[in-house]
Amino acid sequence: MEKELSELNDQELLEKKRKFKSNEILNAVILGVLVGISIYSAATEGFGLFTVLPLVFVGLAVNSWNKNKKALEKELISRNLK
């Protein structure tokens, strides 16, 4: 299990920020694929499980990623590392 942000030293926190930025591209690709699946499903079969389910996952993922990003930024600002 990972340490809490408050338990990381400054160097580890900056490394986590760098990794977070590099993961944003991968996150965008994943979200694009899920939205594409929903659009394709809606166009070919109408609205159903494969239309709604990927959109639910997109919402959950975006919420989680934003929460983690805000917590990281808050910790960086509190340590005056930004």
PDB file of N, CA and C in Angstrom:
ATOM      1  N   MET A   1       0.846  -1.176   0.000  1.00  0.00           N
ATOM      2  CA  MET A   1       0.000   0.000   0.000  1.00  0.00           C
ATOM      3  C   MET A   1       0.893   1.241   0.000  1.00  0.00           C
ATOM      4  N   GLU A   2       0.473   2.229  -0.739  1.00  0.00           N
ATOM      5  CA  GLU A   2       1.267   3.446  -0.838  1.00  0.00           C
ATOM      6  C   GLU A   2       1.146   4.293   0.423  1.00  0.00           C
ATOM      7  N   LYS A   3       2.174   5.087   0.649  1.00  0.00           N
ATOM      8  CA  LYS A   3       2.153   6.017   1.767  1.00  0.00           C
ATOM      9  C   LYS A   3       1.162   7.140   1.470  1.00  0.00           C
ATOM     10  N   GLU A   4       0.680   7.744   2.521  1.00  0.00           N
ATOM     11  CA  GLU A   4      -0.145   8.941   2.373  1.00  0.00           C
ATOM     12  C   GLU A   4       0.734  10.070   1.859  1.00  0.00           C
ATOM     13  N   LEU A   5       0.149  11.045   1.205  1.00  0.00           N
ATOM     14  CA  LEU A   5       0.921  12.161   0.665  1.00  0.00           C
ATOM     15  C   LEU A   5       1.672  12.913   1.758  1.00  0.00           C
ATOM     16  N   SER A   6       1.064  13.033   2.923  1.00  0.00           N
ATOM     17  CA  SER A   6       1.706  13.762   4.013  1.00  0.00           C
ATOM     18  C   SER A   6       2.926  13.023   4.568  1.00  0.00           C
ATOM     19  N   GLU A   7       3.028  11.705   4.317  1.00  0.00           N
ATOM     20  CA  GLU A   7       4.149  10.918   4.803  1.00  0.00           C
ATOM     21  C   GLU A   7       5.343  10.920   3.851  1.00  0.00           C
ATOM     22  N   LEU A   8       5.143  11.392   2.618  1.00  0.00           N
ATOM     23  CA  LEU A   8       6.220  11.409   1.635  1.00  0.00           C
ATOM     24  C   LEU A   8       7.167  12.564   1.899  1.00  0.00           C
ATOM     25  N   ASN A   9       8.457  12.354   1.604  1.00  0.00           N
ATOM     26  CA  ASN A   9       9.373  13.482   1.702  1.00  0.00           C
ATOM     27  C   ASN A   9       9.232  14.340   0.443  1.00  0.00           C
ATOM     28  N   ASP A  10       9.909  15.474   0.408  1.00  0.00           N
ATOM     29  CA  ASP A  10       9.745  16.412  -0.694  1.00  0.00           C
ATOM     30  C   ASP A  10      10.120  15.791  -2.040  1.00  0.00           C
ATOM     31  N   GLN A  11      11.208  15.044  -2.070  1.00  0.00           N
ATOM     32  CA  GLN A  11      11.662  14.434  -3.323  1.00  0.00           C
ATOM     33  C   GLN A  11      10.642  13.412  -3.834  1.00  0.00           C
ATOM     34  N   GLU A  12      10.109  12.601  -2.935  1.00  0.00           N
ATOM     35  CA  GLU A  12       9.106  11.605  -3.328  1.00  0.00           C
ATOM     36  C   GLU A  12       7.824  12.280  -3.823  1.00  0.00           C
ATOM     37  N   LEU A  13       7.489  13.381  -3.207  1.00  0.00           N
ATOM     38  CA  LEU A  13       6.292  14.108  -3.610  1.00  0.00           C
ATOM     39  C   LEU A  13       6.452  14.702  -5.011  1.00  0.00           C
ATOM     40  N   LEU A  14       7.612  15.267  -5.299  1.00  0.00           N
ATOM     41  CA  LEU A  14       7.881  15.806  -6.632  1.00  0.00           C
ATOM     42  C   LEU A  14       7.918  14.690  -7.674  1.00  0.00           C
ATOM     43  N   GLU A  15       8.430  13.526  -7.298  1.00  0.00           N
ATOM     44  CA  GLU A  15       8.433  12.374  -8.202  1.00  0.00           C
ATOM     45  C   GLU A  15       7.001  11.919  -8.492  1.00  0.00           C
ATOM     46  N   LYS A  16       6.171  11.928  -7.477  1.00  0.00           N
ATOM     47  CA  LYS A  16       4.761  11.563  -7.658  1.00  0.00           C
ATOM     48  C   LYS A  16       4.059  12.546  -8.588  1.00  0.00           C
ATOM     49  N   LYS A  17       4.399  13.819  -8.474  1.00  0.00           N
ATOM     50  CA  LYS A  17       3.830  14.836  -9.362  1.00  0.00           C
ATOM     51  C   LYS A  17       4.249  14.574 -10.806  1.00  0.00           C
ATOM     52  N   ARG A  18       5.517  14.229 -11.014  1.00  0.00           N
ATOM     53  CA  ARG A  18       6.017  13.949 -12.357  1.00  0.00           C
ATOM     54  C   ARG A  18       5.306  12.731 -12.953  1.00  0.00           C
ATOM     55  N   LYS A  19       5.138  11.683 -12.153  1.00  0.00           N
ATOM     56  CA  LYS A  19       4.444  10.485 -12.628  1.00  0.00           C
ATOM     57  C   LYS A  19       2.981  10.786 -12.943  1.00  0.00           C
ATOM     58  N   PHE A  20       2.367  11.626 -12.119  1.00  0.00           N
ATOM     59  CA  PHE A  20       0.972  11.970 -12.329  1.00  0.00           C
ATOM     60  C   PHE A  20       0.800  12.681 -13.667  1.00  0.00           C
ATOM     61  N   LYS A  21       1.724  13.586 -13.973  1.00  0.00           N
ATOM     62  CA  LYS A  21       1.643  14.303 -15.249  1.00  0.00           C
ATOM     63  C   LYS A  21       1.829  13.356 -16.426  1.00  0.00           C
ATOM     64  N   SER A  22       2.734  12.409 -16.305  1.00  0.00           N
ATOM     65  CA  SER A  22       2.958  11.480 -17.414  1.00  0.00           C
ATOM     66  C   SER A  22       1.776  10.529 -17.597  1.00  0.00           C
ATOM     67  N   ASN A  23       1.052  10.260 -16.541  1.00  0.00           N
ATOM     68  CA  ASN A  23      -0.119   9.374 -16.638  1.00  0.00           C
ATOM     69  C   ASN A  23      -1.339  10.069 -17.223  1.00  0.00           C
ATOM     70  N   GLU A  24      -1.334  11.380 -17.311  1.00  0.00           N
ATOM     71  CA  GLU A  24      -2.502  12.093 -17.834  1.00  0.00           C
ATOM     72  C   GLU A  24      -2.792  11.720 -19.284  1.00  0.00           C
ATOM     73  N   ILE A  25      -1.770  11.480 -20.080  1.00  0.00           N
ATOM     74  CA  ILE A  25      -1.978  11.091 -21.477  1.00  0.00           C
ATOM     75  C   ILE A  25      -2.633   9.719 -21.548  1.00  0.00           C
ATOM     76  N   LEU A  26      -2.138   8.797 -20.757  1.00  0.00           N
ATOM     77  CA  LEU A  26      -2.732   7.460 -20.723  1.00  0.00           C
ATOM     78  C   LEU A  26      -4.186   7.526 -20.259  1.00  0.00           C
ATOM     79  N   ASN A  27      -4.457   8.338 -19.262  1.00  0.00           N
ATOM     80  CA  ASN A  27      -5.827   8.501 -18.776  1.00  0.00           C
ATOM     81  C   ASN A  27      -6.730   9.048 -19.868  1.00  0.00           C
ATOM     82  N   ALA A  28      -6.245  10.017 -20.627  1.00  0.00           N
ATOM     83  CA  ALA A  28      -7.045  10.592 -21.706  1.00  0.00           C
ATOM     84  C   ALA A  28      -7.348   9.550 -22.774  1.00  0.00           C
ATOM     85  N   VAL A  29      -6.392   8.695 -23.089  1.00  0.00           N
ATOM     86  CA  VAL A  29      -6.606   7.641 -24.085  1.00  0.00           C
ATOM     87  C   VAL A  29      -7.660   6.648 -23.588  1.00  0.00           C
ATOM     88  N   ILE A  30      -7.545   6.262 -22.333  1.00  0.00           N
ATOM     89  CA  ILE A  30      -8.524   5.328 -21.764  1.00  0.00           C
ATOM     90  C   ILE A  30      -9.929   5.919 -21.804  1.00  0.00           C
ATOM     91  N   LEU A  31     -10.043   7.178 -21.412  1.00  0.00           N
ATOM     92  CA  LEU A  31     -11.353   7.828 -21.448  1.00  0.00           C
ATOM     93  C   LEU A  31     -11.882   7.921 -22.873  1.00  0.00           C
ATOM     94  N   GLY A  32     -11.006   8.227 -23.814  1.00  0.00           N
ATOM     95  CA  GLY A  32     -11.417   8.303 -25.216  1.00  0.00           C
ATOM     96  C   GLY A  32     -11.940   6.976 -25.729  1.00  0.00           C
ATOM     97  N   VAL A  33     -11.275   5.902 -25.360  1.00  0.00           N
ATOM     98  CA  VAL A  33     -11.718   4.570 -25.779  1.00  0.00           C
ATOM     99  C   VAL A  33     -13.090   4.253 -25.189  1.00  0.00           C
ATOM    100  N   LEU A  34     -13.267   4.554 -23.912  1.00  0.00           N
ATOM    101  CA  LEU A  34     -14.561   4.268 -23.279  1.00  0.00           C
ATOM    102  C   LEU A  34     -15.686   5.091 -23.905  1.00  0.00           C
ATOM    103  N   VAL A  35     -15.429   6.352 -24.187  1.00  0.00           N
ATOM    104  CA  VAL A  35     -16.444   7.184 -24.839  1.00  0.00           C
ATOM    105  C   VAL A  35     -16.705   6.670 -26.252  1.00  0.00           C
ATOM    106  N   GLY A  36     -15.653   6.251 -26.943  1.00  0.00           N
ATOM    107  CA  GLY A  36     -15.815   5.687 -28.283  1.00  0.00           C
ATOM    108  C   GLY A  36     -16.667   4.428 -28.278  1.00  0.00           C
ATOM    109  N   ILE A  37     -16.470   3.577 -27.289  1.00  0.00           N
ATOM    110  CA  ILE A  37     -17.286   2.368 -27.160  1.00  0.00           C
ATOM    111  C   ILE A  37     -18.749   2.739 -26.969  1.00  0.00           C
ATOM    112  N   SER A  38     -19.003   3.737 -26.136  1.00  0.00           N
ATOM    113  CA  SER A  38     -20.388   4.171 -25.900  1.00  0.00           C
ATOM    114  C   SER A  38     -21.014   4.720 -27.168  1.00  0.00           C
ATOM    115  N   ILE A  39     -20.282   5.535 -27.897  1.00  0.00           N
ATOM    116  CA  ILE A  39     -20.810   6.123 -29.137  1.00  0.00           C
ATOM    117  C   ILE A  39     -21.068   5.038 -30.174  1.00  0.00           C
ATOM    118  N   TYR A  40     -20.120   4.136 -30.331  1.00  0.00           N
ATOM    119  CA  TYR A  40     -20.289   3.042 -31.286  1.00  0.00           C
ATOM    120  C   TYR A  40     -21.487   2.171 -30.916  1.00  0.00           C
ATOM    121  N   SER A  41     -21.620   1.867 -29.644  1.00  0.00           N
ATOM    122  CA  SER A  41     -22.727   1.038 -29.190  1.00  0.00           C
ATOM    123  C   SER A  41     -24.062   1.735 -29.419  1.00  0.00           C
ATOM    124  N   ALA A  42     -24.107   3.029 -29.135  1.00  0.00           N
ATOM    125  CA  ALA A  42     -25.357   3.768 -29.336  1.00  0.00           C
ATOM    126  C   ALA A  42     -25.710   3.852 -30.817  1.00  0.00           C
ATOM    127  N   ALA A  43     -24.707   3.987 -31.673  1.00  0.00           N
ATOM    128  CA  ALA A  43     -24.964   4.107 -33.110  1.00  0.00           C
ATOM    129  C   ALA A  43     -25.394   2.791 -33.733  1.00  0.00           C
ATOM    130  N   THR A  44     -24.853   1.677 -33.247  1.00  0.00           N
ATOM    131  CA  THR A  44     -25.161   0.395 -33.882  1.00  0.00           C
ATOM    132  C   THR A  44     -26.333  -0.347 -33.241  1.00  0.00           C
ATOM    133  N   GLU A  45     -26.461  -0.263 -31.932  1.00  0.00           N
ATOM    134  CA  GLU A  45     -27.482  -1.060 -31.254  1.00  0.00           C
ATOM    135  C   GLU A  45     -28.459  -0.237 -30.432  1.00  0.00           C
ATOM    136  N   GLY A  46     -28.353   1.070 -30.470  1.00  0.00           N
ATOM    137  CA  GLY A  46     -29.205   1.906 -29.636  1.00  0.00           C
ATOM    138  C   GLY A  46     -28.671   1.935 -28.216  1.00  0.00           C
ATOM    139  N   PHE A  47     -29.459   2.479 -27.332  1.00  0.00           N
ATOM    140  CA  PHE A  47     -29.007   2.599 -25.951  1.00  0.00           C
ATOM    141  C   PHE A  47     -29.196   1.283 -25.214  1.00  0.00           C
ATOM    142  N   GLY A  48     -28.161   0.907 -24.496  1.00  0.00           N
ATOM    143  CA  GLY A  48     -28.195  -0.336 -23.745  1.00  0.00           C
ATOM    144  C   GLY A  48     -27.079  -0.344 -22.731  1.00  0.00           C
ATOM    145  N   LEU A  49     -26.736  -1.530 -22.293  1.00  0.00           N
ATOM    146  CA  LEU A  49     -25.720  -1.690 -21.261  1.00  0.00           C
ATOM    147  C   LEU A  49     -24.354  -1.185 -21.726  1.00  0.00           C
ATOM    148  N   PHE A  50     -23.971  -1.505 -22.976  1.00  0.00           N
ATOM    149  CA  PHE A  50     -22.664  -1.097 -23.475  1.00  0.00           C
ATOM    150  C   PHE A  50     -22.615   0.373 -23.859  1.00  0.00           C
ATOM    151  N   THR A  51     -23.718   1.057 -23.782  1.00  0.00           N
ATOM    152  CA  THR A  51     -23.724   2.502 -23.979  1.00  0.00           C
ATOM    153  C   THR A  51     -23.557   3.215 -22.647  1.00  0.00           C
ATOM    154  N   VAL A  52     -24.244   2.741 -21.644  1.00  0.00           N
ATOM    155  CA  VAL A  52     -24.264   3.415 -20.346  1.00  0.00           C
ATOM    156  C   VAL A  52     -23.082   3.028 -19.464  1.00  0.00           C
ATOM    157  N   LEU A  53     -22.720   1.762 -19.445  1.00  0.00           N
ATOM    158  CA  LEU A  53     -21.679   1.280 -18.539  1.00  0.00           C
ATOM    159  C   LEU A  53     -20.328   1.977 -18.741  1.00  0.00           C
ATOM    160  N   PRO A  54     -19.833   2.123 -19.974  1.00  0.00           N
ATOM    161  CA  PRO A  54     -18.563   2.847 -20.126  1.00  0.00           C
ATOM    162  C   PRO A  54     -18.650   4.300 -19.658  1.00  0.00           C
ATOM    163  N   LEU A  55     -19.787   4.926 -19.828  1.00  0.00           N
ATOM    164  CA  LEU A  55     -19.947   6.308 -19.373  1.00  0.00           C
ATOM    165  C   LEU A  55     -19.939   6.390 -17.850  1.00  0.00           C
ATOM    166  N   VAL A  56     -20.461   5.374 -17.182  1.00  0.00           N
ATOM    167  CA  VAL A  56     -20.404   5.328 -15.724  1.00  0.00           C
ATOM    168  C   VAL A  56     -18.949   5.203 -15.272  1.00  0.00           C
ATOM    169  N   PHE A  57     -18.190   4.326 -15.939  1.00  0.00           N
ATOM    170  CA  PHE A  57     -16.774   4.176 -15.602  1.00  0.00           C
ATOM    171  C   PHE A  57     -15.996   5.463 -15.858  1.00  0.00           C
ATOM    172  N   VAL A  58     -16.346   6.181 -16.921  1.00  0.00           N
ATOM    173  CA  VAL A  58     -15.688   7.467 -17.210  1.00  0.00           C
ATOM    174  C   VAL A  58     -15.941   8.438 -16.064  1.00  0.00           C
ATOM    175  N   GLY A  59     -17.166   8.529 -15.621  1.00  0.00           N
ATOM    176  CA  GLY A  59     -17.497   9.427 -14.520  1.00  0.00           C
ATOM    177  C   GLY A  59     -16.761   9.080 -13.242  1.00  0.00           C
ATOM    178  N   LEU A  60     -16.719   7.799 -12.913  1.00  0.00           N
ATOM    179  CA  LEU A  60     -16.016   7.362 -11.701  1.00  0.00           C
ATOM    180  C   LEU A  60     -14.511   7.628 -11.805  1.00  0.00           C
ATOM    181  N   ALA A  61     -13.941   7.351 -12.959  1.00  0.00           N
ATOM    182  CA  ALA A  61     -12.496   7.548 -13.147  1.00  0.00           C
ATOM    183  C   ALA A  61     -12.124   9.022 -13.078  1.00  0.00           C
ATOM    184  N   VAL A  62     -12.889   9.863 -13.738  1.00  0.00           N
ATOM    185  CA  VAL A  62     -12.598  11.299 -13.728  1.00  0.00           C
ATOM    186  C   VAL A  62     -12.713  11.847 -12.313  1.00  0.00           C
ATOM    187  N   ASN A  63     -13.709  11.432 -11.591  1.00  0.00           N
ATOM    188  CA  ASN A  63     -13.889  11.877 -10.212  1.00  0.00           C
ATOM    189  C   ASN A  63     -12.691  11.470  -9.349  1.00  0.00           C
ATOM    190  N   SER A  64     -12.262  10.238  -9.480  1.00  0.00           N
ATOM    191  CA  SER A  64     -11.123   9.741  -8.701  1.00  0.00           C
ATOM    192  C   SER A  64      -9.838  10.466  -9.077  1.00  0.00           C
ATOM    193  N   TRP A  65      -9.586  10.636 -10.359  1.00  0.00           N
ATOM    194  CA  TRP A  65      -8.366  11.301 -10.806  1.00  0.00           C
ATOM    195  C   TRP A  65      -8.333  12.758 -10.361  1.00  0.00           C
ATOM    196  N   ASN A  66      -9.476  13.436 -10.439  1.00  0.00           N
ATOM    197  CA  ASN A  66      -9.522  14.831  -9.998  1.00  0.00           C
ATOM    198  C   ASN A  66      -9.289  14.948  -8.493  1.00  0.00           C
ATOM    199  N   LYS A  67      -9.845  14.026  -7.730  1.00  0.00           N
ATOM    200  CA  LYS A  67      -9.661  14.043  -6.280  1.00  0.00           C
ATOM    201  C   LYS A  67      -8.183  13.844  -5.932  1.00  0.00           C
ATOM    202  N   ASN A  68      -7.530  12.890  -6.601  1.00  0.00           N
ATOM    203  CA  ASN A  68      -6.109  12.641  -6.357  1.00  0.00           C
ATOM    204  C   ASN A  68      -5.249  13.827  -6.776  1.00  0.00           C
ATOM    205  N   LYS A  69      -5.601  14.438  -7.893  1.00  0.00           N
ATOM    206  CA  LYS A  69      -4.840  15.593  -8.388  1.00  0.00           C
ATOM    207  C   LYS A  69      -4.954  16.766  -7.421  1.00  0.00           C
ATOM    208  N   LYS A  70      -6.147  17.018  -6.925  1.00  0.00           N
ATOM    209  CA  LYS A  70      -6.339  18.127  -5.986  1.00  0.00           C
ATOM    210  C   LYS A  70      -5.593  17.875  -4.684  1.00  0.00           C
ATOM    211  N   ALA A  71      -5.593  16.640  -4.200  1.00  0.00           N
ATOM    212  CA  ALA A  71      -4.874  16.320  -2.968  1.00  0.00           C
ATOM    213  C   ALA A  71      -3.373  16.510  -3.153  1.00  0.00           C
ATOM    214  N   LEU A  72      -2.850  16.102  -4.303  1.00  0.00           N
ATOM    215  CA  LEU A  72      -1.431  16.271  -4.587  1.00  0.00           C
ATOM    216  C   LEU A  72      -1.064  17.745  -4.676  1.00  0.00           C
ATOM    217  N   GLU A  73      -1.878  18.523  -5.386  1.00  0.00           N
ATOM    218  CA  GLU A  73      -1.611  19.958  -5.501  1.00  0.00           C
ATOM    219  C   GLU A  73      -1.688  20.656  -4.150  1.00  0.00           C
ATOM    220  N   LYS A  74      -2.643  20.259  -3.330  1.00  0.00           N
ATOM    221  CA  LYS A  74      -2.788  20.861  -2.004  1.00  0.00           C
ATOM    222  C   LYS A  74      -1.551  20.580  -1.146  1.00  0.00           C
ATOM    223  N   GLU A  75      -1.042  19.352  -1.210  1.00  0.00           N
ATOM    224  CA  GLU A  75       0.155  18.997  -0.433  1.00  0.00           C
ATOM    225  C   GLU A  75       1.380  19.742  -0.955  1.00  0.00           C
ATOM    226  N   LEU A  76       1.488  19.885  -2.268  1.00  0.00           N
ATOM    227  CA  LEU A  76       2.621  20.609  -2.850  1.00  0.00           C
ATOM    228  C   LEU A  76       2.591  22.077  -2.434  1.00  0.00           C
ATOM    229  N   ILE A  77       1.411  22.672  -2.434  1.00  0.00           N
ATOM    230  CA  ILE A  77       1.285  24.082  -2.039  1.00  0.00           C
ATOM    231  C   ILE A  77       1.583  24.242  -0.555  1.00  0.00           C
ATOM    232  N   SER A  78       1.118  23.300   0.267  1.00  0.00           N
ATOM    233  CA  SER A  78       1.365  23.412   1.708  1.00  0.00           C
ATOM    234  C   SER A  78       2.859  23.334   2.041  1.00  0.00           C
ATOM    235  N   ARG A  79       3.618  22.625   1.196  1.00  0.00           N
ATOM    236  CA  ARG A  79       5.067  22.531   1.415  1.00  0.00           C
ATOM    237  C   ARG A  79       5.842  23.560   0.607  1.00  0.00           C
ATOM    238  N   ASN A  80       5.117  24.393  -0.133  1.00  0.00           N
ATOM    239  CA  ASN A  80       5.724  25.438  -0.963  1.00  0.00           C
ATOM    240  C   ASN A  80       6.678  24.835  -2.009  1.00  0.00           C
ATOM    241  N   LEU A  81       6.233  23.748  -2.648  1.00  0.00           N
ATOM    242  CA  LEU A  81       7.051  23.067  -3.655  1.00  0.00           C
ATOM    243  C   LEU A  81       6.587  23.346  -5.071  1.00  0.00           C
ATOM    244  N   LYS A  82       5.490  23.992  -5.221  1.00  0.00           N
ATOM    245  CA  LYS A  82       4.938  24.205  -6.548  1.00  0.00           C
ATOM    246  C   LYS A  82       5.649  25.298  -7.222  1.00  0.00           C
TER     247      LYS A  82
END
